[in-house]
């Protein structure tokens, strides 16, 4: 029951997430109509469709994926027609096709009051097919529980509770918004313009969903929006919030009279693992191949040593390697470089020693292993079972408890015997490896090389691959600028003369900057200020209290960790020696 309540409230919180934006025009197209015969059937159909589709998708199967894609295309076509008929009923009348007529019927009900609930149910089902909520901890927990243990009443009801929560918050928004729209229509006589405005909004949403903005840009923007609240809710459920997965476990068949069967995990089979052919070098081991790993559960971790998300995942990977080594888990780190300096094997060796990594590392400088796995993320985790099949993936941060549970499940399968769930790892990390403060991050990654640069605000503009004098003007949030003589290359900016600096207006607890001493390798001194003052208690792990530090190797440096209330500030780093190279800002 606790999981259902948590799932419902997580659904209610979706109204605060940007991922809800693409479906709002569909919902508000029913504003001003009978709630019981228009809005309520639509929201109920949306919730039911989402719960059914999500339940099927969670247990895998290519036919589910294909059917869902076909349903999404049909829903996009229907809602596009609906948007056209809202925008121009005359245009709808011109095209006498069945689908257009259906869209016209929906439009007429929205304008003149529904004659039946059928149109609302159809519109709700189409919306449910297209809705892609930003998966916070609770929804991720429910979906992974379904993947681990198969379809069952527990996970289906939890998904239904989540969808019902979302429908509740949308219903409240619709009642309030409907009254506002009705008042505007009465006072200003703008009914037809409002109708056309809704048509434009519906078509914009169809385009946004069609181009994947609902599962791409909006998901990234919303990651911190409700995660903190959901995590607090999960903490009340028990250890790591995942004790609720036992709702699904209790449905496993057992009892007298049943023959003992080797345990088989319900994790989906995602295909054969391709192995590690293509590694240019190996650290901490002789080269490994798939045959000698057969019979072991293998965790493959794609990482690169200056990536802050990878760095924050490493404490979990190390802890898994240590805890489960004797039970048959083999951890293999695949180091695939983002920047050119990360291709140097000696740099990787030093980073591995600095991070305390003693498990095998395959050096994937040519991206051959990356391409073989069809990977696209740093970090990325692939769990391979004892038969060499990929059974679980985690992309980015935030799913460590679920990955831990999957490790235990595959180890139990390899042993042929189900075991009680043990406590999950809870590594204690400091410095850049500590968990981010997601609730207060308003700044995102920013590259300084011209190939990926964004947010650059120096009035001179970027001049590529040759020295240029720069100055820092007035900065808005998430803008940065150079000061002094710099040469901006494709990957980094290099300081030509001592005394130059970089400024960035940011809002996050932690600020990191990937820095290097340049080709000659001589240490470079620098000083950091926050709003023109030494950082003092807000200094990062690589500074002293006065804000001084030294670039001695090319890596990620933690320069700010706010100790009190997190707010918006201007960060500035000034280099006391020439030659510094700066690559990218990241935040936590």
Protein backbone atom coordinates (compact mmCIF):
# COMPACT_ATOMS: atom_id res chain seq x y z
CA UNK A 1 0.00 0.00 0.00
CA UNK A 2 2.86 2.37 0.79
CA UNK A 3 4.27 2.05 -2.73
CA UNK A 4 0.87 2.80 -4.26
CA UNK A 5 0.49 5.95 -2.16
CA UNK A 6 4.04 7.06 -3.07
CA UNK A 7 3.35 6.35 -6.75
CA UNK A 8 0.15 8.42 -6.63
CA UNK A 9 1.90 11.43 -5.08
CA UNK A 10 4.79 11.09 -7.57
CA UNK A 11 2.17 11.31 -10.32
CA UNK A 12 0.68 14.41 -8.74
CA UNK A 13 4.15 16.00 -8.82
CA UNK A 14 4.38 15.63 -12.61
CA UNK A 15 2.47 18.91 -12.97
CA UNK A 16 5.69 20.60 -11.77
CA UNK A 17 7.83 18.91 -14.44
CA UNK A 18 8.54 20.39 -17.91
CA UNK A 19 7.80 16.94 -19.38
CA UNK A 20 4.08 17.62 -18.85
CA UNK A 21 4.18 20.63 -21.19
CA UNK A 22 3.65 18.78 -24.51
CA UNK A 23 0.33 17.26 -23.41
CA UNK A 24 -1.13 20.35 -21.72
CA UNK A 25 -2.64 21.72 -24.98
CA UNK A 26 -4.47 18.41 -25.50
CA UNK A 27 -5.89 18.61 -21.97
CA UNK A 28 -6.82 22.29 -22.14
CA UNK A 29 -8.62 21.75 -25.44
CA UNK A 30 -11.47 20.43 -23.21
CA UNK A 31 -11.54 23.58 -21.06
CA UNK A 32 -14.96 25.12 -20.60
CA UNK A 33 -16.82 21.85 -21.32
CA UNK A 34 -18.77 19.54 -19.01
CA UNK A 35 -16.18 18.09 -16.65
CA UNK A 36 -17.99 14.77 -16.18
CA UNK A 37 -18.60 14.16 -19.91
CA UNK A 38 -15.49 15.73 -21.41
CA UNK A 39 -12.47 16.26 -19.16
CA UNK A 40 -13.04 13.30 -16.80
CA UNK A 41 -13.37 10.65 -19.56
CA UNK A 42 -10.35 12.08 -21.35
CA UNK A 43 -8.12 12.03 -18.24
CA UNK A 44 -9.34 8.56 -17.25
CA UNK A 45 -8.57 7.19 -20.73
CA UNK A 46 -5.17 8.88 -20.68
CA UNK A 47 -4.29 7.34 -17.29
CA UNK A 48 -5.51 3.87 -18.26
CA UNK A 49 -3.70 3.89 -21.62
CA UNK A 50 -0.45 5.02 -20.01
CA UNK A 51 -0.68 2.33 -17.29
CA UNK A 52 -1.32 -0.45 -19.82
CA UNK A 53 1.41 0.65 -22.26
CA UNK A 54 3.97 1.21 -19.48
CA UNK A 55 3.21 -2.21 -17.96
CA UNK A 56 3.77 -3.94 -21.31
CA UNK A 57 6.89 -1.89 -22.10
CA UNK A 58 8.44 -2.70 -18.72
CA UNK A 59 8.47 -6.46 -19.42
CA UNK A 60 10.07 -6.01 -22.85
CA UNK A 61 9.43 -7.76 -26.14
CA UNK A 62 10.04 -6.39 -29.62
CA UNK A 63 6.34 -6.68 -30.53
CA UNK A 64 5.51 -4.31 -27.67
CA UNK A 65 8.00 -1.75 -28.97
CA UNK A 66 6.67 -1.99 -32.51
CA UNK A 67 3.04 -1.81 -31.41
CA UNK A 68 3.76 1.19 -29.20
CA UNK A 69 5.53 3.00 -32.04
CA UNK A 70 2.59 2.33 -34.36
CA UNK A 71 0.20 3.62 -31.70
CA UNK A 72 2.26 6.77 -31.22
CA UNK A 73 2.27 7.53 -34.95
CA UNK A 74 -1.48 7.04 -35.10
CA UNK A 75 -1.97 9.26 -32.05
CA UNK A 76 0.24 11.98 -33.54
CA UNK A 77 -1.75 11.89 -36.77
CA UNK A 78 -5.08 12.08 -34.92
CA UNK A 79 -3.97 14.97 -32.70
CA UNK A 80 -2.45 16.83 -35.66
CA UNK A 81 -5.83 16.66 -37.38
CA UNK A 82 -7.48 17.76 -34.15
CA UNK A 83 -5.13 20.77 -34.03
CA UNK A 84 -5.90 21.68 -37.65
CA UNK A 85 -9.65 21.56 -37.04
CA UNK A 86 -9.26 23.77 -33.98
CA UNK A 87 -7.19 26.20 -36.00
CA UNK A 88 -9.37 26.19 -39.10
CA UNK A 89 -12.70 24.35 -39.28
CA UNK A 90 -12.98 25.46 -42.92
CA UNK A 91 -9.74 23.64 -43.73
CA UNK A 92 -11.07 20.52 -42.03
CA UNK A 93 -14.25 20.71 -44.08
CA UNK A 94 -12.21 20.92 -47.27
CA UNK A 95 -10.49 17.58 -46.60
CA UNK A 96 -13.25 14.97 -46.50
CA UNK A 97 -11.22 12.06 -45.26
CA UNK A 98 -12.19 9.69 -42.43
CA UNK A 99 -9.36 10.70 -40.11
CA UNK A 100 -10.03 14.40 -40.70
CA UNK A 101 -13.72 13.84 -40.06
CA UNK A 102 -12.81 12.19 -36.77
CA UNK A 103 -10.62 15.17 -35.86
CA UNK A 104 -13.48 17.50 -36.88
CA UNK A 105 -15.81 15.64 -34.54
CA UNK A 106 -13.37 16.11 -31.69
CA UNK A 107 -13.04 19.79 -32.58
CA UNK A 108 -16.82 20.34 -32.68
CA UNK A 109 -17.24 18.70 -29.30
CA UNK A 110 -14.54 20.95 -27.88
CA UNK A 111 -16.26 24.03 -29.28
CA UNK A 112 -19.94 23.40 -28.74
CA UNK A 113 -20.09 20.86 -25.90
CA UNK A 114 -19.73 17.10 -26.21
CA UNK A 115 -22.62 15.07 -27.55
CA UNK A 116 -21.02 11.87 -26.16
CA UNK A 117 -17.99 10.80 -24.17
CA UNK A 118 -16.57 8.84 -27.13
CA UNK A 119 -14.50 11.69 -28.54
CA UNK A 120 -13.05 12.50 -25.12
CA UNK A 121 -12.14 8.85 -24.54
CA UNK A 122 -10.41 8.68 -27.92
CA UNK A 123 -8.52 11.93 -27.32
CA UNK A 124 -7.48 10.67 -23.86
CA UNK A 125 -6.22 7.35 -25.26
CA UNK A 126 -4.16 9.20 -27.89
CA UNK A 127 -2.71 11.45 -25.21
CA UNK A 128 -1.87 8.44 -23.04
CA UNK A 129 0.06 6.89 -25.94
CA UNK A 130 2.15 10.04 -26.36
CA UNK A 131 2.75 10.97 -22.73
CA UNK A 132 6.41 10.44 -21.76
CA UNK A 133 6.81 11.52 -18.12
CA UNK A 134 10.24 12.37 -16.74
CA UNK A 135 11.07 9.24 -14.75
CA UNK A 136 12.01 10.23 -11.21
CA UNK A 137 13.11 7.77 -8.51
CA UNK A 138 9.61 6.41 -7.80
CA UNK A 139 8.55 5.77 -11.40
CA UNK A 140 12.00 4.29 -12.10
CA UNK A 141 11.56 2.00 -9.09
CA UNK A 142 8.18 0.77 -10.31
CA UNK A 143 9.32 0.19 -13.91
CA UNK A 144 12.45 -1.69 -12.85
CA UNK A 145 10.39 -3.79 -10.43
CA UNK A 146 8.25 -4.83 -13.39
CA UNK A 147 11.34 -5.63 -15.45
CA UNK A 148 12.83 -7.68 -12.61
CA UNK A 149 9.77 -9.71 -11.77
CA UNK A 150 7.52 -9.61 -14.80
CA UNK A 151 3.96 -8.39 -15.20
CA UNK A 152 1.91 -8.68 -12.01
CA UNK A 153 -0.90 -6.91 -10.21
CA UNK A 154 1.46 -5.01 -7.91
CA UNK A 155 3.42 -3.15 -10.59
CA UNK A 156 0.35 -2.64 -12.78
CA UNK A 157 -1.53 -1.04 -9.88
CA UNK A 158 1.49 1.10 -8.98
CA UNK A 159 1.64 2.41 -12.56
CA UNK A 160 -2.09 3.02 -12.48
CA UNK A 161 -1.69 4.94 -9.20
CA UNK A 162 1.06 7.06 -10.79
CA UNK A 163 -1.14 7.84 -13.79
CA UNK A 164 -4.10 8.60 -11.52
CA UNK A 165 -1.97 11.08 -9.58
CA UNK A 166 -0.99 12.85 -12.79
CA UNK A 167 -4.63 12.91 -13.92
CA UNK A 168 -5.63 14.43 -10.58
CA UNK A 169 -3.20 17.33 -10.86
CA UNK A 170 -4.19 17.89 -14.49
CA UNK A 171 -7.87 17.87 -13.53
CA UNK A 172 -7.25 20.59 -10.94
CA UNK A 173 -5.26 22.63 -13.48
CA UNK A 174 -8.03 22.14 -16.06
CA UNK A 175 -10.77 23.32 -13.69
CA UNK A 176 -8.83 26.44 -12.74
CA UNK A 177 -7.64 27.11 -16.31
CA UNK A 178 -11.09 26.46 -17.73
CA UNK A 179 -12.66 29.07 -15.51
CA UNK A 180 -10.03 31.61 -16.54
CA UNK A 181 -10.56 30.89 -20.26
CA UNK A 182 -14.34 31.07 -19.88
CA UNK A 183 -14.06 34.44 -18.12
CA UNK A 184 -11.82 35.79 -20.90
CA UNK A 185 -14.29 34.61 -23.55
CA UNK A 186 -17.21 36.29 -21.80
CA UNK A 187 -15.39 39.55 -21.04
CA UNK A 188 -13.52 40.06 -24.30
CA UNK A 189 -15.38 37.97 -26.83
CA UNK A 190 -12.21 36.16 -27.85
CA UNK A 191 -13.69 32.68 -28.13
CA UNK A 192 -12.61 32.09 -31.75
CA UNK A 193 -9.10 33.45 -31.13
CA UNK A 194 -8.71 31.25 -28.07
CA UNK A 195 -9.87 28.28 -30.13
CA UNK A 196 -7.24 29.06 -32.77
CA UNK A 197 -4.60 29.59 -30.11
CA UNK A 198 -5.34 26.13 -28.71
CA UNK A 199 -5.04 24.75 -32.24
CA UNK A 200 -1.58 26.31 -32.62
CA UNK A 201 -0.57 24.93 -29.20
CA UNK A 202 -1.80 21.43 -30.11
CA UNK A 203 0.16 21.46 -33.37
CA UNK A 204 3.27 22.75 -31.56
CA UNK A 205 2.97 19.89 -29.07
CA UNK A 206 2.58 17.34 -31.87
CA UNK A 207 5.78 18.68 -33.47
CA UNK A 208 7.64 18.68 -30.14
CA UNK A 209 6.68 15.06 -29.47
CA UNK A 210 7.38 14.03 -33.05
CA UNK A 211 10.91 15.44 -32.87
CA UNK A 212 11.54 13.79 -29.48
CA UNK A 213 11.80 16.95 -27.37
CA UNK A 214 9.53 15.38 -24.74
CA UNK A 215 12.05 12.57 -24.11
CA UNK A 216 15.21 14.57 -24.78
CA UNK A 217 15.48 18.26 -23.93
CA UNK A 218 12.60 18.41 -21.44
CA UNK A 219 13.80 15.29 -19.61
CA UNK A 220 17.21 16.86 -19.07
CA UNK A 221 15.71 20.16 -17.96
CA UNK A 222 13.41 18.51 -15.48
CA UNK A 223 15.79 16.04 -13.89
CA UNK A 224 16.09 18.05 -10.67
CA UNK A 225 12.56 19.44 -10.65
CA UNK A 226 10.89 16.83 -8.46
CA UNK A 227 13.68 14.34 -7.77
CA UNK A 228 14.45 15.74 -4.31
CA UNK A 229 10.81 15.52 -3.20
CA UNK A 230 10.43 12.00 -4.60
CA UNK A 231 13.65 10.84 -2.97
CA UNK A 232 12.46 12.12 0.40
CA UNK A 233 9.25 10.17 -0.14
CA UNK A 234 11.22 7.03 -1.01
CA UNK A 235 13.39 7.37 2.07
CA UNK A 236 10.28 6.86 4.12
CA UNK A 237 9.63 3.52 2.43
CA UNK A 238 12.69 1.81 3.83
CA UNK A 239 16.31 1.20 2.92
CA UNK A 240 17.01 3.03 -0.34
CA UNK A 241 13.29 3.09 -0.95
CA UNK A 242 13.46 -0.25 -2.73
CA UNK A 243 11.94 -2.49 -0.10
CA UNK A 244 8.73 -1.86 -2.00
CA UNK A 245 10.01 -4.09 -4.80
CA UNK A 246 9.05 -7.00 -2.60
CA UNK A 247 5.45 -6.29 -3.60
CA UNK A 248 6.40 -7.95 -6.88
CA UNK A 249 8.56 -10.65 -5.30
CA UNK A 250 5.69 -11.89 -3.16
CA UNK A 251 3.93 -12.96 -6.33
CA UNK A 252 6.60 -15.56 -7.15
CA UNK A 253 5.27 -19.13 -7.26
CA UNK A 254 6.22 -21.29 -4.30
CA UNK A 255 4.79 -23.90 -2.01
CA UNK A 256 4.54 -27.59 -1.31
CA UNK A 257 4.12 -29.97 -4.18
CA UNK A 258 6.08 -27.84 -6.66
CA UNK A 259 9.30 -29.25 -8.04
CA UNK A 260 12.37 -27.16 -7.23
CA UNK A 261 13.46 -25.24 -10.31
CA UNK A 262 16.71 -23.31 -10.87
CA UNK A 263 16.04 -19.63 -10.29
CA UNK A 264 15.58 -17.59 -13.45
CA UNK A 265 15.60 -13.80 -13.30
CA UNK A 266 12.82 -11.92 -15.04
CA UNK A 267 15.25 -9.26 -16.31
CA UNK A 268 14.80 -8.93 -20.09
CA UNK A 269 17.33 -10.33 -22.55
CA UNK A 270 18.79 -7.38 -24.45
CA UNK A 271 21.06 -9.40 -26.74
CA UNK A 272 24.55 -10.85 -26.71
CA UNK A 273 27.33 -8.81 -25.14
CA UNK A 274 29.93 -8.03 -27.82
CA UNK A 275 33.06 -8.44 -25.68
CA UNK A 276 36.15 -6.24 -25.53
CA UNK A 277 37.90 -6.73 -28.88
CA UNK A 278 39.43 -3.42 -29.90
CA UNK A 279 40.97 -2.35 -26.59
CA UNK A 280 44.34 -0.70 -27.28
CA UNK A 281 45.61 -1.52 -23.80
CA UNK A 282 44.53 -3.02 -20.47
CA UNK A 283 45.20 -1.81 -16.94
CA UNK A 284 45.13 -3.91 -13.75
CA UNK A 285 44.87 -7.16 -15.73
CA UNK A 286 45.92 -9.14 -18.75
CA UNK A 287 43.53 -8.78 -21.72
CA UNK A 288 40.12 -10.35 -21.10
CA UNK A 289 37.84 -11.99 -23.64
CA UNK A 290 34.24 -13.15 -23.53
CA UNK A 291 35.05 -16.88 -23.31
CA UNK A 292 37.01 -16.65 -20.08
CA UNK A 293 34.25 -14.53 -18.51
CA UNK A 294 31.52 -17.06 -19.34
CA UNK A 295 29.90 -18.28 -16.13
CA UNK A 296 30.52 -14.93 -14.42
CA UNK A 297 28.20 -11.96 -14.08
CA UNK A 298 30.02 -9.02 -15.69
CA UNK A 299 29.43 -5.33 -15.02
CA UNK A 300 30.74 -3.16 -17.86
CA UNK A 301 31.17 0.51 -16.93
CA UNK A 302 31.83 3.00 -19.74
CA UNK A 303 33.57 6.04 -18.26
CA UNK A 304 36.14 8.72 -18.92
CA UNK A 305 38.23 10.17 -16.15
CA UNK A 306 37.39 13.89 -16.44
CA UNK A 307 33.60 13.35 -16.68
CA UNK A 308 31.91 14.51 -13.45
CA UNK A 309 28.98 12.12 -13.88
CA UNK A 310 31.42 9.22 -14.27
CA UNK A 311 33.40 10.38 -11.24
CA UNK A 312 30.27 10.46 -9.06
CA UNK A 313 29.32 6.93 -10.19
CA UNK A 314 32.74 5.42 -9.41
CA UNK A 315 32.14 4.99 -5.64
CA UNK A 316 29.23 2.66 -6.45
CA UNK A 317 31.19 0.71 -9.06
CA UNK A 318 34.12 0.23 -6.65
CA UNK A 319 31.74 -0.85 -3.89
CA UNK A 320 30.01 -3.39 -6.16
CA UNK A 321 33.37 -4.79 -7.27
CA UNK A 322 34.41 -5.30 -3.65
CA UNK A 323 31.11 -6.58 -2.23
CA UNK A 324 30.18 -9.05 -4.97
CA UNK A 325 33.63 -10.22 -6.15
CA UNK A 326 33.49 -13.45 -4.13
CA UNK A 327 29.96 -14.15 -5.40
CA UNK A 328 31.07 -14.17 -9.03
CA UNK A 329 30.84 -10.55 -10.21
CA UNK A 330 33.57 -9.25 -12.51
CA UNK A 331 33.71 -5.48 -13.05
CA UNK A 332 35.35 -4.15 -16.23
CA UNK A 333 35.82 -0.44 -16.73
CA UNK A 334 35.87 0.64 -20.38
CA UNK A 335 37.66 3.97 -20.60
CA UNK A 336 36.49 5.76 -23.75
CA UNK A 337 37.94 9.29 -24.07
CA UNK A 338 35.99 12.50 -24.57
CA UNK A 339 39.05 14.76 -24.90
CA UNK A 340 42.38 14.07 -26.63
CA UNK A 341 44.36 14.16 -23.37
CA UNK A 342 42.25 11.27 -22.06
CA UNK A 343 43.79 8.99 -24.70
CA UNK A 344 47.16 8.96 -22.93
CA UNK A 345 47.42 5.63 -21.14
CA UNK A 346 49.62 7.10 -18.42
CA UNK A 347 46.99 9.74 -17.66
CA UNK A 348 44.38 6.97 -17.33
CA UNK A 349 46.74 4.97 -15.08
CA UNK A 350 47.22 7.96 -12.79
CA UNK A 351 43.47 8.63 -12.70
CA UNK A 352 42.75 5.00 -11.81
CA UNK A 353 45.22 5.21 -8.93
CA UNK A 354 43.74 8.53 -7.78
CA UNK A 355 40.21 7.06 -7.76
CA UNK A 356 41.29 3.80 -6.11
CA UNK A 357 40.28 1.59 -9.06
CA UNK A 358 41.79 -1.90 -8.88
CA UNK A 359 39.41 -3.75 -11.23
CA UNK A 360 40.30 -4.33 -14.93
CA UNK A 361 40.19 -1.35 -17.30
CA UNK A 362 39.99 -1.70 -21.09
CA UNK A 363 41.43 1.36 -22.85
CA UNK A 364 39.02 2.06 -25.72
CA UNK A 365 40.79 4.95 -27.46
CA UNK A 366 39.42 4.02 -30.88
CA UNK A 367 35.78 3.72 -29.67
CA UNK A 368 35.62 0.14 -30.98
CA UNK A 369 34.10 -1.31 -27.81
CA UNK A 370 31.83 1.74 -27.51
CA UNK A 371 30.49 1.14 -31.03
CA UNK A 372 30.18 -2.61 -30.48
CA UNK A 373 27.89 -1.96 -27.51
CA UNK A 374 26.13 0.80 -29.49
CA UNK A 375 26.69 3.00 -26.48
CA UNK A 376 25.95 6.73 -26.40
CA UNK A 377 26.53 7.78 -22.78
CA UNK A 378 29.11 8.59 -20.13
CA UNK A 379 28.68 6.89 -17.74
CA UNK A 380 26.89 3.76 -18.92
CA UNK A 381 26.54 0.45 -17.11
CA UNK A 382 25.76 -2.86 -18.81
CA UNK A 383 25.09 -5.99 -16.75
CA UNK A 384 25.95 -9.23 -18.56
CA UNK A 385 24.70 -12.57 -17.23
CA UNK A 386 26.64 -15.82 -16.92
CA UNK A 387 25.61 -16.79 -20.45
CA UNK A 388 27.02 -13.62 -21.97
CA UNK A 389 23.67 -11.83 -22.48
CA UNK A 390 23.03 -8.16 -21.61
CA UNK A 391 20.23 -8.08 -19.03
CA UNK A 392 20.26 -4.59 -17.48
CA UNK A 393 21.50 -1.10 -18.38
CA UNK A 394 21.92 2.17 -16.51
CA UNK A 395 22.70 5.39 -18.36
CA UNK A 396 23.87 8.36 -16.31
CA UNK A 397 23.47 8.79 -12.58
CA UNK A 398 20.53 8.04 -10.33
CA UNK A 399 19.75 4.34 -10.84
CA UNK A 400 22.37 2.79 -8.58
CA UNK A 401 19.95 1.09 -6.15
CA UNK A 402 18.13 -0.53 -9.07
CA UNK A 403 21.43 -1.67 -10.61
CA UNK A 404 22.46 -3.14 -7.25
CA UNK A 405 19.22 -5.12 -7.14
CA UNK A 406 19.80 -6.34 -10.70
CA UNK A 407 23.35 -7.47 -9.80
CA UNK A 408 21.97 -9.54 -6.93
CA UNK A 409 19.29 -10.98 -9.18
CA UNK A 410 21.76 -12.11 -11.86
CA UNK A 411 24.16 -13.55 -9.27
CA UNK A 412 21.24 -15.57 -7.87
CA UNK A 413 20.41 -16.77 -11.38
CA UNK A 414 24.04 -17.80 -11.98
CA UNK A 415 23.96 -19.76 -8.71
CA UNK A 416 20.59 -21.28 -9.63
CA UNK A 417 19.10 -20.37 -6.27
CA UNK A 418 17.06 -17.37 -5.17
CA UNK A 419 18.51 -15.50 -2.22
CA UNK A 420 17.13 -12.90 0.15
CA UNK A 421 17.81 -9.33 -0.97
CA UNK A 422 20.81 -7.97 0.92
CA UNK A 423 21.42 -4.36 1.79
CA UNK A 424 22.53 -2.24 -1.12
CA UNK A 425 25.88 -0.48 -1.14
CA UNK A 426 25.92 3.04 0.32
CA UNK A 427 29.43 4.34 -0.39
CA UNK A 428 30.69 7.38 1.44
CA UNK A 429 32.25 9.78 -1.06
CA UNK A 430 33.89 13.17 -0.72
CA UNK A 431 35.15 15.90 -3.00
CA UNK A 432 34.09 15.61 -6.63
CA UNK A 433 32.90 12.02 -6.05
CA UNK A 434 30.17 13.12 -3.62
CA UNK A 435 26.55 12.96 -4.79
CA UNK A 436 25.23 16.15 -6.46
CA UNK A 437 22.73 18.53 -4.91
CA UNK A 438 20.10 17.98 -7.60
CA UNK A 439 17.48 20.20 -6.01
CA UNK A 440 19.68 23.29 -6.42
CA UNK A 441 21.34 22.80 -9.82
CA UNK A 442 20.40 25.54 -12.27
CA UNK A 443 23.59 25.43 -14.34
CA UNK A 444 24.59 22.81 -16.89
CA UNK A 445 27.77 21.61 -18.56
CA UNK A 446 29.56 24.22 -20.67
CA UNK A 447 32.46 23.56 -23.05
CA UNK A 448 35.15 26.16 -23.76
CA UNK A 449 36.33 24.79 -27.12
CA UNK A 450 34.60 26.34 -30.12
CA UNK A 451 33.28 22.99 -31.42
CA UNK A 452 30.80 22.74 -28.52
CA UNK A 453 30.93 26.18 -26.89
CA UNK A 454 27.68 27.61 -25.52
CA UNK A 455 26.90 30.54 -23.24
CA UNK A 456 29.99 32.49 -24.34
CA UNK A 457 29.45 36.20 -23.63
CA UNK A 458 32.74 38.02 -24.24
CA UNK A 459 31.88 40.92 -26.55
CA UNK A 460 34.73 40.10 -28.94
CA UNK A 461 33.16 36.77 -29.94
CA UNK A 462 35.16 33.57 -30.40
CA UNK A 463 38.10 33.67 -32.79
CA UNK A 464 39.17 30.11 -33.46
CA UNK A 465 42.74 28.77 -33.41
CA UNK A 466 44.61 32.07 -33.07
CA UNK A 467 45.47 34.41 -30.17
CA UNK A 468 42.87 37.03 -29.33
CA UNK A 469 42.44 39.58 -26.54
CA UNK A 470 39.15 39.04 -24.70
CA UNK A 471 37.23 40.86 -21.99
CA UNK A 472 34.37 39.87 -19.71
CA UNK A 473 31.25 41.96 -19.99
CA UNK A 474 28.12 41.75 -17.89
CA UNK A 475 27.12 38.12 -17.45
CA UNK A 476 23.65 36.64 -17.12
CA UNK A 477 23.01 33.28 -15.49
CA UNK A 478 24.93 30.46 -17.24
CA UNK A 479 27.03 32.82 -19.33
CA UNK A 480 30.81 32.87 -19.23
CA UNK A 481 33.61 34.94 -20.69
CA UNK A 482 37.38 35.05 -21.14
CA UNK A 483 39.68 37.82 -19.93
CA UNK A 484 43.17 38.29 -21.36
CA UNK A 485 44.88 36.79 -24.38
CA UNK A 486 43.57 33.31 -25.23
CA UNK A 487 43.72 30.91 -28.15
CA UNK A 488 40.41 29.08 -28.42
CA UNK A 489 40.74 25.67 -30.08
CA UNK A 490 38.17 23.03 -30.94
CA UNK A 491 38.39 21.33 -27.50
CA UNK A 492 39.86 23.92 -25.16
CA UNK A 493 41.00 27.49 -24.59
CA UNK A 494 44.71 28.11 -23.91
CA UNK A 495 46.01 31.18 -22.06
CA UNK A 496 48.84 32.96 -23.90
CA UNK A 497 49.97 35.37 -21.16
CA UNK A 498 49.91 35.28 -17.37
CA UNK A 499 47.13 37.18 -15.63
CA UNK A 500 44.25 36.04 -17.80
CA UNK A 501 41.09 34.58 -16.40
CA UNK A 502 37.64 33.05 -16.91
CA UNK A 503 34.35 34.20 -15.33
CA UNK A 504 31.07 32.25 -15.10
CA UNK A 505 27.76 33.25 -13.54
CA UNK A 506 26.35 30.02 -12.12
CA UNK A 507 23.85 28.59 -9.65
CA UNK A 508 24.76 25.22 -8.13
CA UNK A 509 26.36 23.86 -4.98
CA UNK A 510 29.49 22.62 -6.77
CA UNK A 511 31.50 24.04 -9.67
CA UNK A 512 34.15 21.99 -11.45
CA UNK A 513 36.49 22.92 -14.27
CA UNK A 514 38.59 20.55 -16.39
CA UNK A 515 42.05 22.12 -16.56
CA UNK A 516 45.50 21.19 -17.83
CA UNK A 517 48.99 22.69 -17.57
CA UNK A 518 49.50 22.75 -21.33
CA UNK A 519 52.10 20.97 -23.51
CA UNK A 520 55.14 21.83 -21.37
CA UNK A 521 53.57 20.28 -18.28
CA UNK A 522 54.82 22.97 -15.86
CA UNK A 523 52.51 23.59 -12.87
CA UNK A 524 50.31 26.66 -13.20
CA UNK A 525 49.17 28.66 -10.19
CA UNK A 526 45.72 30.21 -10.02
CA UNK A 527 43.35 32.02 -7.66
CA UNK A 528 39.57 31.68 -7.47
CA UNK A 529 37.11 34.31 -6.26
CA UNK A 530 33.34 34.16 -5.77
CA UNK A 531 31.62 37.51 -6.27
CA UNK A 532 35.08 39.10 -6.07
CA UNK A 533 35.99 37.57 -2.68
CA UNK A 534 38.06 34.54 -1.61
CA UNK A 535 35.81 31.46 -1.35
CA UNK A 536 36.71 30.68 2.29
CA UNK A 537 34.18 28.07 3.48
CA UNK A 538 32.80 27.73 -0.06
CA UNK A 539 36.08 26.47 -1.52
CA UNK A 540 36.28 23.26 -3.50
CA UNK A 541 38.55 20.33 -2.71
CA UNK A 542 41.35 21.67 -4.95
CA UNK A 543 41.68 25.10 -3.27
CA UNK A 544 42.97 26.50 -0.02
CA UNK A 545 40.83 28.89 2.03
CA UNK A 546 42.28 31.93 0.21
CA UNK A 547 41.24 30.43 -3.13
CA UNK A 548 44.71 29.46 -4.38
CA UNK A 549 45.44 26.24 -6.22
CA UNK A 550 47.77 24.67 -8.78
CA UNK A 551 47.12 22.94 -12.09
CA UNK A 552 49.62 20.09 -12.04
CA UNK A 553 47.93 17.59 -14.36
CA UNK A 554 45.07 17.53 -16.84
CA UNK A 555 41.92 16.51 -14.94
CA UNK A 556 38.72 17.78 -13.37
CA UNK A 557 39.28 20.26 -10.52
CA UNK A 558 36.61 20.96 -7.90
CA UNK A 559 36.81 24.71 -7.32
CA UNK A 560 33.57 25.59 -5.50
CA UNK A 561 31.42 23.75 -2.96
CA UNK A 562 28.95 26.13 -1.32
CA UNK A 563 28.65 25.33 2.36
CA UNK A 564 25.49 27.29 3.11
CA UNK A 565 22.44 28.29 1.12
CA UNK A 566 23.00 27.70 -2.58
CA UNK A 567 22.52 30.78 -4.73
CA UNK A 568 23.56 32.55 -7.92
CA UNK A 569 27.15 33.82 -7.96
CA UNK A 570 29.92 34.99 -10.27
CA UNK A 571 32.88 32.61 -10.28
CA UNK A 572 36.24 33.87 -11.48
CA UNK A 573 39.54 32.05 -11.89
CA UNK A 574 42.70 34.03 -12.62
CA UNK A 575 45.88 32.27 -13.70
CA UNK A 576 49.19 33.55 -12.35
CA UNK A 577 51.19 31.73 -15.05
CA UNK A 578 50.75 31.37 -18.80
CA UNK A 579 49.87 28.14 -20.61
CA UNK A 580 46.76 26.97 -18.76
CA UNK A 581 44.26 25.00 -20.83
CA UNK A 582 40.57 25.00 -19.87
CA UNK A 583 38.14 22.46 -21.32
CA UNK A 584 34.72 22.34 -19.65
CA UNK A 585 32.65 23.49 -16.66
CA UNK A 586 30.42 21.01 -14.84
CA UNK A 587 28.20 21.41 -11.78
CA UNK A 588 26.81 19.37 -8.92
